[in-house]
Amino acid sequence: ALSSAASDVYKRQVVKEGSDFEIPCDVVIMALGTSPNPLLAATTPGLETNRRGCLVADETGTTTRPGVFAGGDAVTGAATVILAMGAGRTAARAIDAYIRSKRS
């Protein structure tokens, strides 16, 4: 749990001196997504999707295709970075267990 002082920081913006800057450029490409790329399932036999086009995976990130793991927006649809990071960490554990089981 966060201390009350730390919790207050997350409730309001805090100006950090010198953190505002500009980067000169000619083109900016926004890389935003709210749904998985349909090519993932279309090009990977045995990889199932749900009605929203998200990859079907269990709580460990294991998909319907053996040896393929997924998490974050590809499974849940649009969500927070924190949730995606947690899903990645969980899937990493499952990948490690999967690889170790293949060595035996």
PDB file of N, CA and C in Angstrom:
ATOM      1  N   ALA A   1       0.845  -1.190   0.000  1.00  0.00           N
ATOM      2  CA  ALA A   1       0.000   0.000   0.000  1.00  0.00           C
ATOM      3  C   ALA A   1       0.884   1.245   0.000  1.00  0.00           C
ATOM      4  N   LEU A   2       0.380   2.279  -0.631  1.00  0.00           N
ATOM      5  CA  LEU A   2       1.124   3.537  -0.695  1.00  0.00           C
ATOM      6  C   LEU A   2       0.917   4.335   0.578  1.00  0.00           C
ATOM      7  N   SER A   3       1.940   5.055   0.988  1.00  0.00           N
ATOM      8  CA  SER A   3       1.771   5.967   2.106  1.00  0.00           C
ATOM      9  C   SER A   3       0.855   7.092   1.658  1.00  0.00           C
ATOM     10  N   SER A   4       0.299   7.827   2.603  1.00  0.00           N
ATOM     11  CA  SER A   4      -0.616   8.902   2.212  1.00  0.00           C
ATOM     12  C   SER A   4       0.106   9.967   1.389  1.00  0.00           C
ATOM     13  N   ALA A   5       1.377  10.230   1.687  1.00  0.00           N
ATOM     14  CA  ALA A   5       2.141  11.210   0.906  1.00  0.00           C
ATOM     15  C   ALA A   5       2.341  10.728  -0.523  1.00  0.00           C
ATOM     16  N   ALA A   6       2.697   9.445  -0.690  1.00  0.00           N
ATOM     17  CA  ALA A   6       2.887   8.888  -2.034  1.00  0.00           C
ATOM     18  C   ALA A   6       1.559   8.840  -2.768  1.00  0.00           C
ATOM     19  N   SER A   7       0.503   8.516  -2.062  1.00  0.00           N
ATOM     20  CA  SER A   7      -0.826   8.438  -2.671  1.00  0.00           C
ATOM     21  C   SER A   7      -1.252   9.797  -3.216  1.00  0.00           C
ATOM     22  N   ASP A   8      -0.928  10.881  -2.491  1.00  0.00           N
ATOM     23  CA  ASP A   8      -1.284  12.225  -2.939  1.00  0.00           C
ATOM     24  C   ASP A   8      -0.640  12.580  -4.263  1.00  0.00           C
ATOM     25  N   VAL A   9       0.585  12.094  -4.510  1.00  0.00           N
ATOM     26  CA  VAL A   9       1.293  12.382  -5.760  1.00  0.00           C
ATOM     27  C   VAL A   9       0.515  11.819  -6.941  1.00  0.00           C
ATOM     28  N   TYR A  10      -0.099  10.654  -6.775  1.00  0.00           N
ATOM     29  CA  TYR A  10      -0.835  10.027  -7.864  1.00  0.00           C
ATOM     30  C   TYR A  10      -2.195  10.675  -8.092  1.00  0.00           C
ATOM     31  N   LYS A  11      -2.663  11.493  -7.163  1.00  0.00           N
ATOM     32  CA  LYS A  11      -3.962  12.137  -7.287  1.00  0.00           C
ATOM     33  C   LYS A  11      -3.894  13.486  -7.987  1.00  0.00           C
ATOM     34  N   ARG A  12      -2.720  14.034  -8.107  1.00  0.00           N
ATOM     35  CA  ARG A  12      -2.590  15.358  -8.722  1.00  0.00           C
ATOM     36  C   ARG A  12      -1.298  15.425  -9.522  1.00  0.00           C
ATOM     37  N   GLN A  13      -1.280  16.327 -10.452  1.00  0.00           N
ATOM     38  CA  GLN A  13      -0.068  16.525 -11.239  1.00  0.00           C
ATOM     39  C   GLN A  13       0.953  17.289 -10.410  1.00  0.00           C
ATOM     40  N   VAL A  14       2.197  16.902 -10.573  1.00  0.00           N
ATOM     41  CA  VAL A  14       3.280  17.588  -9.892  1.00  0.00           C
ATOM     42  C   VAL A  14       4.241  18.077 -10.966  1.00  0.00           C
ATOM     43  N   VAL A  15       4.483  19.374 -10.995  1.00  0.00           N
ATOM     44  CA  VAL A  15       5.380  19.953 -11.989  1.00  0.00           C
ATOM     45  C   VAL A  15       6.814  19.625 -11.614  1.00  0.00           C
ATOM     46  N   LYS A  16       7.536  19.069 -12.574  1.00  0.00           N
ATOM     47  CA  LYS A  16       8.954  18.777 -12.359  1.00  0.00           C
ATOM     48  C   LYS A  16       9.741  19.762 -13.214  1.00  0.00           C
ATOM     49  N   GLU A  17      10.466  20.627 -12.565  1.00  0.00           N
ATOM     50  CA  GLU A  17      11.224  21.674 -13.244  1.00  0.00           C
ATOM     51  C   GLU A  17      12.155  21.068 -14.291  1.00  0.00           C
ATOM     52  N   GLY A  18      12.129  21.607 -15.519  1.00  0.00           N
ATOM     53  CA  GLY A  18      13.008  21.153 -16.589  1.00  0.00           C
ATOM     54  C   GLY A  18      12.506  19.944 -17.361  1.00  0.00           C
ATOM     55  N   SER A  19      11.308  19.472 -17.034  1.00  0.00           N
ATOM     56  CA  SER A  19      10.812  18.272 -17.714  1.00  0.00           C
ATOM     57  C   SER A  19      10.028  18.601 -18.985  1.00  0.00           C
ATOM     58  N   ASP A  20       9.761  19.857 -19.222  1.00  0.00           N
ATOM     59  CA  ASP A  20       9.032  20.274 -20.416  1.00  0.00           C
ATOM     60  C   ASP A  20      10.042  20.605 -21.510  1.00  0.00           C
ATOM     61  N   PHE A  21       9.944  19.897 -22.645  1.00  0.00           N
ATOM     62  CA  PHE A  21      10.890  20.134 -23.728  1.00  0.00           C
ATOM     63  C   PHE A  21      10.237  19.820 -25.068  1.00  0.00           C
ATOM     64  N   GLU A  22      10.859  20.259 -26.135  1.00  0.00           N
ATOM     65  CA  GLU A  22      10.391  19.984 -27.491  1.00  0.00           C
ATOM     66  C   GLU A  22      11.487  19.258 -28.252  1.00  0.00           C
ATOM     67  N   ILE A  23      11.065  18.360 -29.144  1.00  0.00           N
ATOM     68  CA  ILE A  23      11.997  17.638 -29.999  1.00  0.00           C
ATOM     69  C   ILE A  23      11.671  18.016 -31.443  1.00  0.00           C
ATOM     70  N   PRO A  24      12.584  18.698 -32.133  1.00  0.00           N
ATOM     71  CA  PRO A  24      12.316  19.059 -33.523  1.00  0.00           C
ATOM     72  C   PRO A  24      12.241  17.794 -34.397  1.00  0.00           C
ATOM     73  N   CYS A  25      11.231  17.732 -35.264  1.00  0.00           N
ATOM     74  CA  CYS A  25      11.098  16.583 -36.160  1.00  0.00           C
ATOM     75  C   CYS A  25      10.249  16.976 -37.368  1.00  0.00           C
ATOM     76  N   ASP A  26      10.337  16.177 -38.414  1.00  0.00           N
ATOM     77  CA  ASP A  26       9.558  16.425 -39.620  1.00  0.00           C
ATOM     78  C   ASP A  26       8.250  15.639 -39.625  1.00  0.00           C
ATOM     79  N   VAL A  27       8.269  14.445 -39.033  1.00  0.00           N
ATOM     80  CA  VAL A  27       7.105  13.574 -39.044  1.00  0.00           C
ATOM     81  C   VAL A  27       6.967  12.900 -37.688  1.00  0.00           C
ATOM     82  N   VAL A  28       5.738  12.764 -37.216  1.00  0.00           N
ATOM     83  CA  VAL A  28       5.451  12.017 -35.998  1.00  0.00           C
ATOM     84  C   VAL A  28       4.448  10.937 -36.365  1.00  0.00           C
ATOM     85  N   ILE A  29       4.761   9.699 -36.018  1.00  0.00           N
ATOM     86  CA  ILE A  29       3.844   8.591 -36.280  1.00  0.00           C
ATOM     87  C   ILE A  29       3.304   8.126 -34.941  1.00  0.00           C
ATOM     88  N   MET A  30       2.006   8.257 -34.764  1.00  0.00           N
ATOM     89  CA  MET A  30       1.363   7.828 -33.529  1.00  0.00           C
ATOM     90  C   MET A  30       1.177   6.316 -33.574  1.00  0.00           C
ATOM     91  N   ALA A  31       1.653   5.628 -32.566  1.00  0.00           N
ATOM     92  CA  ALA A  31       1.507   4.177 -32.486  1.00  0.00           C
ATOM     93  C   ALA A  31       0.539   3.858 -31.359  1.00  0.00           C
ATOM     94  N   LEU A  32      -0.739   3.975 -31.657  1.00  0.00           N
ATOM     95  CA  LEU A  32      -1.786   3.739 -30.670  1.00  0.00           C
ATOM     96  C   LEU A  32      -2.663   2.600 -31.148  1.00  0.00           C
ATOM     97  N   GLY A  33      -3.111   1.807 -30.235  1.00  0.00           N
ATOM     98  CA  GLY A  33      -3.998   0.721 -30.614  1.00  0.00           C
ATOM     99  C   GLY A  33      -4.983   0.429 -29.509  1.00  0.00           C
ATOM    100  N   THR A  34      -6.172   0.081 -29.886  1.00  0.00           N
ATOM    101  CA  THR A  34      -7.179  -0.282 -28.895  1.00  0.00           C
ATOM    102  C   THR A  34      -7.702  -1.690 -29.126  1.00  0.00           C
ATOM    103  N   SER A  35      -7.195  -2.330 -30.162  1.00  0.00           N
ATOM    104  CA  SER A  35      -7.598  -3.712 -30.430  1.00  0.00           C
ATOM    105  C   SER A  35      -6.420  -4.440 -31.070  1.00  0.00           C
ATOM    106  N   PRO A  36      -6.397  -5.765 -30.927  1.00  0.00           N
ATOM    107  CA  PRO A  36      -5.271  -6.521 -31.491  1.00  0.00           C
ATOM    108  C   PRO A  36      -5.260  -6.486 -33.014  1.00  0.00           C
ATOM    109  N   ASN A  37      -4.091  -6.617 -33.577  1.00  0.00           N
ATOM    110  CA  ASN A  37      -3.944  -6.692 -35.020  1.00  0.00           C
ATOM    111  C   ASN A  37      -4.525  -8.027 -35.488  1.00  0.00           C
ATOM    112  N   PRO A  38      -5.500  -8.025 -36.388  1.00  0.00           N
ATOM    113  CA  PRO A  38      -6.125  -9.271 -36.835  1.00  0.00           C
ATOM    114  C   PRO A  38      -5.160 -10.213 -37.550  1.00  0.00           C
ATOM    115  N   LEU A  39      -4.021  -9.697 -37.995  1.00  0.00           N
ATOM    116  CA  LEU A  39      -3.034 -10.552 -38.652  1.00  0.00           C
ATOM    117  C   LEU A  39      -2.448 -11.605 -37.712  1.00  0.00           C
ATOM    118  N   LEU A  40      -2.440 -11.307 -36.413  1.00  0.00           N
ATOM    119  CA  LEU A  40      -1.897 -12.273 -35.445  1.00  0.00           C
ATOM    120  C   LEU A  40      -2.597 -13.620 -35.574  1.00  0.00           C
ATOM    121  N   ALA A  41      -3.903 -13.617 -35.480  1.00  0.00           N
ATOM    122  CA  ALA A  41      -4.668 -14.872 -35.549  1.00  0.00           C
ATOM    123  C   ALA A  41      -4.764 -15.387 -36.977  1.00  0.00           C
ATOM    124  N   ALA A  42      -4.854 -14.490 -37.945  1.00  0.00           N
ATOM    125  CA  ALA A  42      -5.012 -14.900 -39.343  1.00  0.00           C
ATOM    126  C   ALA A  42      -3.784 -15.635 -39.875  1.00  0.00           C
ATOM    127  N   THR A  43      -2.634 -15.328 -39.333  1.00  0.00           N
ATOM    128  CA  THR A  43      -1.390 -15.933 -39.844  1.00  0.00           C
ATOM    129  C   THR A  43      -0.828 -17.014 -38.916  1.00  0.00           C
ATOM    130  N   THR A  44      -1.546 -17.312 -37.836  1.00  0.00           N
ATOM    131  CA  THR A  44      -1.066 -18.300 -36.867  1.00  0.00           C
ATOM    132  C   THR A  44      -2.133 -19.363 -36.642  1.00  0.00           C
ATOM    133  N   PRO A  45      -2.041 -20.488 -37.339  1.00  0.00           N
ATOM    134  CA  PRO A  45      -3.034 -21.551 -37.169  1.00  0.00           C
ATOM    135  C   PRO A  45      -3.122 -22.016 -35.715  1.00  0.00           C
ATOM    136  N   GLY A  46      -4.341 -22.229 -35.248  1.00  0.00           N
ATOM    137  CA  GLY A  46      -4.557 -22.713 -33.896  1.00  0.00           C
ATOM    138  C   GLY A  46      -4.638 -21.623 -32.847  1.00  0.00           C
ATOM    139  N   LEU A  47      -4.504 -20.380 -33.247  1.00  0.00           N
ATOM    140  CA  LEU A  47      -4.572 -19.259 -32.313  1.00  0.00           C
ATOM    141  C   LEU A  47      -5.986 -18.694 -32.373  1.00  0.00           C
ATOM    142  N   GLU A  48      -6.774 -18.977 -31.343  1.00  0.00           N
ATOM    143  CA  GLU A  48      -8.182 -18.569 -31.343  1.00  0.00           C
ATOM    144  C   GLU A  48      -8.362 -17.147 -30.842  1.00  0.00           C
ATOM    145  N   THR A  49      -9.434 -16.510 -31.327  1.00  0.00           N
ATOM    146  CA  THR A  49      -9.821 -15.181 -30.855  1.00  0.00           C
ATOM    147  C   THR A  49     -11.251 -15.247 -30.340  1.00  0.00           C
ATOM    148  N   ASN A  50     -11.616 -14.259 -29.530  1.00  0.00           N
ATOM    149  CA  ASN A  50     -12.997 -14.169 -29.064  1.00  0.00           C
ATOM    150  C   ASN A  50     -13.796 -13.287 -30.017  1.00  0.00           C
ATOM    151  N   ARG A  51     -15.032 -13.013 -29.692  1.00  0.00           N
ATOM    152  CA  ARG A  51     -15.904 -12.238 -30.600  1.00  0.00           C
ATOM    153  C   ARG A  51     -15.411 -10.807 -30.833  1.00  0.00           C
ATOM    154  N   ARG A  52     -14.578 -10.290 -29.928  1.00  0.00           N
ATOM    155  CA  ARG A  52     -14.026  -8.940 -30.086  1.00  0.00           C
ATOM    156  C   ARG A  52     -12.703  -8.926 -30.836  1.00  0.00           C
ATOM    157  N   GLY A  53     -12.224 -10.112 -31.241  1.00  0.00           N
ATOM    158  CA  GLY A  53     -10.967 -10.202 -31.971  1.00  0.00           C
ATOM    159  C   GLY A  53      -9.752 -10.302 -31.080  1.00  0.00           C
ATOM    160  N   CYS A  54      -9.964 -10.411 -29.764  1.00  0.00           N
ATOM    161  CA  CYS A  54      -8.849 -10.555 -28.824  1.00  0.00           C
ATOM    162  C   CYS A  54      -8.421 -12.012 -28.767  1.00  0.00           C
ATOM    163  N   LEU A  55      -7.135 -12.229 -28.526  1.00  0.00           N
ATOM    164  CA  LEU A  55      -6.622 -13.582 -28.419  1.00  0.00           C
ATOM    165  C   LEU A  55      -7.177 -14.257 -27.172  1.00  0.00           C
ATOM    166  N   VAL A  56      -7.523 -15.528 -27.299  1.00  0.00           N
ATOM    167  CA  VAL A  56      -8.004 -16.297 -26.155  1.00  0.00           C
ATOM    168  C   VAL A  56      -6.785 -16.815 -25.407  1.00  0.00           C
ATOM    169  N   ALA A  57      -6.697 -16.473 -24.118  1.00  0.00           N
ATOM    170  CA  ALA A  57      -5.581 -16.913 -23.271  1.00  0.00           C
ATOM    171  C   ALA A  57      -6.094 -17.111 -21.855  1.00  0.00           C
ATOM    172  N   ASP A  58      -5.452 -18.020 -21.133  1.00  0.00           N
ATOM    173  CA  ASP A  58      -5.845 -18.227 -19.743  1.00  0.00           C
ATOM    174  C   ASP A  58      -5.154 -17.212 -18.842  1.00  0.00           C
ATOM    175  N   GLU A  59      -5.296 -17.383 -17.524  1.00  0.00           N
ATOM    176  CA  GLU A  59      -4.747 -16.409 -16.573  1.00  0.00           C
ATOM    177  C   GLU A  59      -3.226 -16.356 -16.571  1.00  0.00           C
ATOM    178  N   THR A  60      -2.565 -17.362 -17.168  1.00  0.00           N
ATOM    179  CA  THR A  60      -1.099 -17.343 -17.246  1.00  0.00           C
ATOM    180  C   THR A  60      -0.596 -16.775 -18.568  1.00  0.00           C
ATOM    181  N   GLY A  61      -1.513 -16.472 -19.488  1.00  0.00           N
ATOM    182  CA  GLY A  61      -1.117 -15.965 -20.802  1.00  0.00           C
ATOM    183  C   GLY A  61      -0.982 -17.058 -21.844  1.00  0.00           C
ATOM    184  N   THR A  62      -1.279 -18.311 -21.460  1.00  0.00           N
ATOM    185  CA  THR A  62      -1.191 -19.432 -22.392  1.00  0.00           C
ATOM    186  C   THR A  62      -2.346 -19.356 -23.387  1.00  0.00           C
ATOM    187  N   THR A  63      -2.041 -19.344 -24.668  1.00  0.00           N
ATOM    188  CA  THR A  63      -3.076 -19.257 -25.699  1.00  0.00           C
ATOM    189  C   THR A  63      -3.514 -20.660 -26.121  1.00  0.00           C
ATOM    190  N   THR A  64      -4.354 -20.715 -27.122  1.00  0.00           N
ATOM    191  CA  THR A  64      -4.865 -21.989 -27.633  1.00  0.00           C
ATOM    192  C   THR A  64      -3.858 -22.704 -28.522  1.00  0.00           C
ATOM    193  N   ARG A  65      -2.751 -22.079 -28.805  1.00  0.00           N
ATOM    194  CA  ARG A  65      -1.695 -22.731 -29.582  1.00  0.00           C
ATOM    195  C   ARG A  65      -0.521 -23.016 -28.655  1.00  0.00           C
ATOM    196  N   PRO A  66      -0.115 -24.269 -28.536  1.00  0.00           N
ATOM    197  CA  PRO A  66       0.991 -24.621 -27.643  1.00  0.00           C
ATOM    198  C   PRO A  66       2.255 -23.817 -27.936  1.00  0.00           C
ATOM    199  N   GLY A  67       2.853 -23.293 -26.856  1.00  0.00           N
ATOM    200  CA  GLY A  67       4.089 -22.529 -26.985  1.00  0.00           C
ATOM    201  C   GLY A  67       3.893 -21.076 -27.343  1.00  0.00           C
ATOM    202  N   VAL A  68       2.650 -20.628 -27.481  1.00  0.00           N
ATOM    203  CA  VAL A  68       2.370 -19.224 -27.798  1.00  0.00           C
ATOM    204  C   VAL A  68       1.669 -18.600 -26.594  1.00  0.00           C
ATOM    205  N   PHE A  69       2.212 -17.479 -26.132  1.00  0.00           N
ATOM    206  CA  PHE A  69       1.704 -16.799 -24.946  1.00  0.00           C
ATOM    207  C   PHE A  69       1.339 -15.363 -25.321  1.00  0.00           C
ATOM    208  N   ALA A  70       0.358 -14.801 -24.644  1.00  0.00           N
ATOM    209  CA  ALA A  70      -0.076 -13.439 -24.966  1.00  0.00           C
ATOM    210  C   ALA A  70      -0.598 -12.754 -23.713  1.00  0.00           C
ATOM    211  N   GLY A  71      -0.599 -11.443 -23.747  1.00  0.00           N
ATOM    212  CA  GLY A  71      -1.140 -10.655 -22.643  1.00  0.00           C
ATOM    213  C   GLY A  71      -1.356  -9.232 -23.093  1.00  0.00           C
ATOM    214  N   GLY A  72      -1.849  -8.413 -22.198  1.00  0.00           N
ATOM    215  CA  GLY A  72      -2.079  -7.004 -22.497  1.00  0.00           C
ATOM    216  C   GLY A  72      -3.235  -6.807 -23.453  1.00  0.00           C
ATOM    217  N   ASP A  73      -3.160  -5.753 -24.261  1.00  0.00           N
ATOM    218  CA  ASP A  73      -4.250  -5.386 -25.163  1.00  0.00           C
ATOM    219  C   ASP A  73      -4.608  -6.493 -26.144  1.00  0.00           C
ATOM    220  N   ALA A  74      -3.656  -7.348 -26.501  1.00  0.00           N
ATOM    221  CA  ALA A  74      -3.937  -8.434 -27.442  1.00  0.00           C
ATOM    222  C   ALA A  74      -4.942  -9.415 -26.869  1.00  0.00           C
ATOM    223  N   VAL A  75      -5.031  -9.485 -25.537  1.00  0.00           N
ATOM    224  CA  VAL A  75      -5.952 -10.403 -24.872  1.00  0.00           C
ATOM    225  C   VAL A  75      -7.164  -9.671 -24.306  1.00  0.00           C
ATOM    226  N   THR A  76      -6.933  -8.526 -23.681  1.00  0.00           N
ATOM    227  CA  THR A  76      -8.015  -7.823 -22.981  1.00  0.00           C
ATOM    228  C   THR A  76      -8.685  -6.737 -23.805  1.00  0.00           C
ATOM    229  N   GLY A  77      -8.070  -6.321 -24.894  1.00  0.00           N
ATOM    230  CA  GLY A  77      -8.524  -5.105 -25.571  1.00  0.00           C
ATOM    231  C   GLY A  77      -7.891  -3.930 -24.846  1.00  0.00           C
ATOM    232  N   ALA A  78      -8.315  -2.739 -25.152  1.00  0.00           N
ATOM    233  CA  ALA A  78      -7.713  -1.535 -24.580  1.00  0.00           C
ATOM    234  C   ALA A  78      -7.740  -1.592 -23.057  1.00  0.00           C
ATOM    235  N   ALA A  79      -6.585  -1.370 -22.451  1.00  0.00           N
ATOM    236  CA  ALA A  79      -6.457  -1.365 -20.999  1.00  0.00           C
ATOM    237  C   ALA A  79      -5.264  -0.495 -20.630  1.00  0.00           C
ATOM    238  N   THR A  80      -4.892  -0.516 -19.379  1.00  0.00           N
ATOM    239  CA  THR A  80      -3.787   0.326 -18.928  1.00  0.00           C
ATOM    240  C   THR A  80      -2.436  -0.345 -19.165  1.00  0.00           C
ATOM    241  N   VAL A  81      -1.407   0.464 -19.177  1.00  0.00           N
ATOM    242  CA  VAL A  81      -0.045  -0.042 -19.319  1.00  0.00           C
ATOM    243  C   VAL A  81       0.300  -0.916 -18.122  1.00  0.00           C
ATOM    244  N   ILE A  82      -0.157  -0.536 -16.957  1.00  0.00           N
ATOM    245  CA  ILE A  82       0.119  -1.305 -15.735  1.00  0.00           C
ATOM    246  C   ILE A  82      -0.435  -2.718 -15.866  1.00  0.00           C
ATOM    247  N   LEU A  83      -1.659  -2.863 -16.372  1.00  0.00           N
ATOM    248  CA  LEU A  83      -2.236  -4.197 -16.565  1.00  0.00           C
ATOM    249  C   LEU A  83      -1.438  -4.988 -17.597  1.00  0.00           C
ATOM    250  N   ALA A  84      -1.017  -4.329 -18.668  1.00  0.00           N
ATOM    251  CA  ALA A  84      -0.229  -5.007 -19.703  1.00  0.00           C
ATOM    252  C   ALA A  84       1.119  -5.461 -19.143  1.00  0.00           C
ATOM    253  N   MET A  85       1.742  -4.637 -18.317  1.00  0.00           N
ATOM    254  CA  MET A  85       3.016  -5.008 -17.716  1.00  0.00           C
ATOM    255  C   MET A  85       2.843  -6.219 -16.806  1.00  0.00           C
ATOM    256  N   GLY A  86       1.772  -6.232 -16.040  1.00  0.00           N
ATOM    257  CA  GLY A  86       1.497  -7.370 -15.167  1.00  0.00           C
ATOM    258  C   GLY A  86       1.264  -8.637 -15.965  1.00  0.00           C
ATOM    259  N   ALA A  87       0.516  -8.516 -17.070  1.00  0.00           N
ATOM    260  CA  ALA A  87       0.259  -9.671 -17.933  1.00  0.00           C
ATOM    261  C   ALA A  87       1.554 -10.181 -18.553  1.00  0.00           C
ATOM    262  N   GLY A  88       2.441  -9.282 -18.913  1.00  0.00           N
ATOM    263  CA  GLY A  88       3.734  -9.673 -19.477  1.00  0.00           C
ATOM    264  C   GLY A  88       4.577 -10.422 -18.462  1.00  0.00           C
ATOM    265  N   ARG A  89       4.553  -9.952 -17.251  1.00  0.00           N
ATOM    266  CA  ARG A  89       5.314 -10.618 -16.183  1.00  0.00           C
ATOM    267  C   ARG A  89       4.757 -12.015 -15.906  1.00  0.00           C
ATOM    268  N   THR A  90       3.443 -12.117 -15.861  1.00  0.00           N
ATOM    269  CA  THR A  90       2.803 -13.414 -15.648  1.00  0.00           C
ATOM    270  C   THR A  90       3.118 -14.365 -16.800  1.00  0.00           C
ATOM    271  N   ALA A  91       3.015 -13.872 -18.021  1.00  0.00           N
ATOM    272  CA  ALA A  91       3.313 -14.708 -19.193  1.00  0.00           C
ATOM    273  C   ALA A  91       4.782 -15.123 -19.201  1.00  0.00           C
ATOM    274  N   ALA A  92       5.673 -14.254 -18.762  1.00  0.00           N
ATOM    275  CA  ALA A  92       7.100 -14.603 -18.712  1.00  0.00           C
ATOM    276  C   ALA A  92       7.334 -15.805 -17.802  1.00  0.00           C
ATOM    277  N   ARG A  93       6.634 -15.839 -16.680  1.00  0.00           N
ATOM    278  CA  ARG A  93       6.751 -16.994 -15.772  1.00  0.00           C
ATOM    279  C   ARG A  93       6.239 -18.260 -16.466  1.00  0.00           C
ATOM    280  N   ALA A  94       5.121 -18.134 -17.179  1.00  0.00           N
ATOM    281  CA  ALA A  94       4.551 -19.287 -17.879  1.00  0.00           C
ATOM    282  C   ALA A  94       5.472 -19.748 -19.012  1.00  0.00           C
ATOM    283  N   ILE A  95       6.096 -18.816 -19.706  1.00  0.00           N
ATOM    284  CA  ILE A  95       7.038 -19.161 -20.779  1.00  0.00           C
ATOM    285  C   ILE A  95       8.232 -19.908 -20.190  1.00  0.00           C
ATOM    286  N   ASP A  96       8.749 -19.409 -19.074  1.00  0.00           N
ATOM    287  CA  ASP A  96       9.878 -20.069 -18.420  1.00  0.00           C
ATOM    288  C   ASP A  96       9.502 -21.502 -18.027  1.00  0.00           C
ATOM    289  N   ALA A  97       8.334 -21.676 -17.435  1.00  0.00           N
ATOM    290  CA  ALA A  97       7.885 -23.013 -17.034  1.00  0.00           C
ATOM    291  C   ALA A  97       7.712 -23.905 -18.255  1.00  0.00           C
ATOM    292  N   TYR A  98       7.188 -23.349 -19.326  1.00  0.00           N
ATOM    293  CA  TYR A  98       6.985 -24.110 -20.568  1.00  0.00           C
ATOM    294  C   TYR A  98       8.334 -24.584 -21.122  1.00  0.00           C
ATOM    295  N   ILE A  99       9.289 -23.695 -21.204  1.00  0.00           N
ATOM    296  CA  ILE A  99      10.614 -24.049 -21.733  1.00  0.00           C
ATOM    297  C   ILE A  99      11.292 -25.095 -20.839  1.00  0.00           C
ATOM    298  N   ARG A 100      11.197 -24.896 -19.536  1.00  0.00           N
ATOM    299  CA  ARG A 100      11.802 -25.860 -18.609  1.00  0.00           C
ATOM    300  C   ARG A 100      11.159 -27.244 -18.759  1.00  0.00           C
ATOM    301  N   SER A 101       9.852 -27.288 -19.018  1.00  0.00           N
ATOM    302  CA  SER A 101       9.177 -28.583 -19.165  1.00  0.00           C
ATOM    303  C   SER A 101       9.621 -29.298 -20.438  1.00  0.00           C
ATOM    304  N   LYS A 102      10.036 -28.558 -21.438  1.00  0.00           N
ATOM    305  CA  LYS A 102      10.498 -29.139 -22.692  1.00  0.00           C
ATOM    306  C   LYS A 102      11.914 -29.693 -22.575  1.00  0.00           C
ATOM    307  N   ARG A 103      12.678 -29.214 -21.612  1.00  0.00           N
ATOM    308  CA  ARG A 103      14.052 -29.672 -21.401  1.00  0.00           C
ATOM    309  C   ARG A 103      14.093 -31.039 -20.721  1.00  0.00           C
ATOM    310  N   SER A 104      13.029 -31.379 -20.003  1.00  0.00           N
ATOM    311  CA  SER A 104      13.008 -32.628 -19.239  1.00  0.00           C
ATOM    312  C   SER A 104      12.804 -33.834 -20.118  1.00  0.00           C
TER     313      SER A 104
END
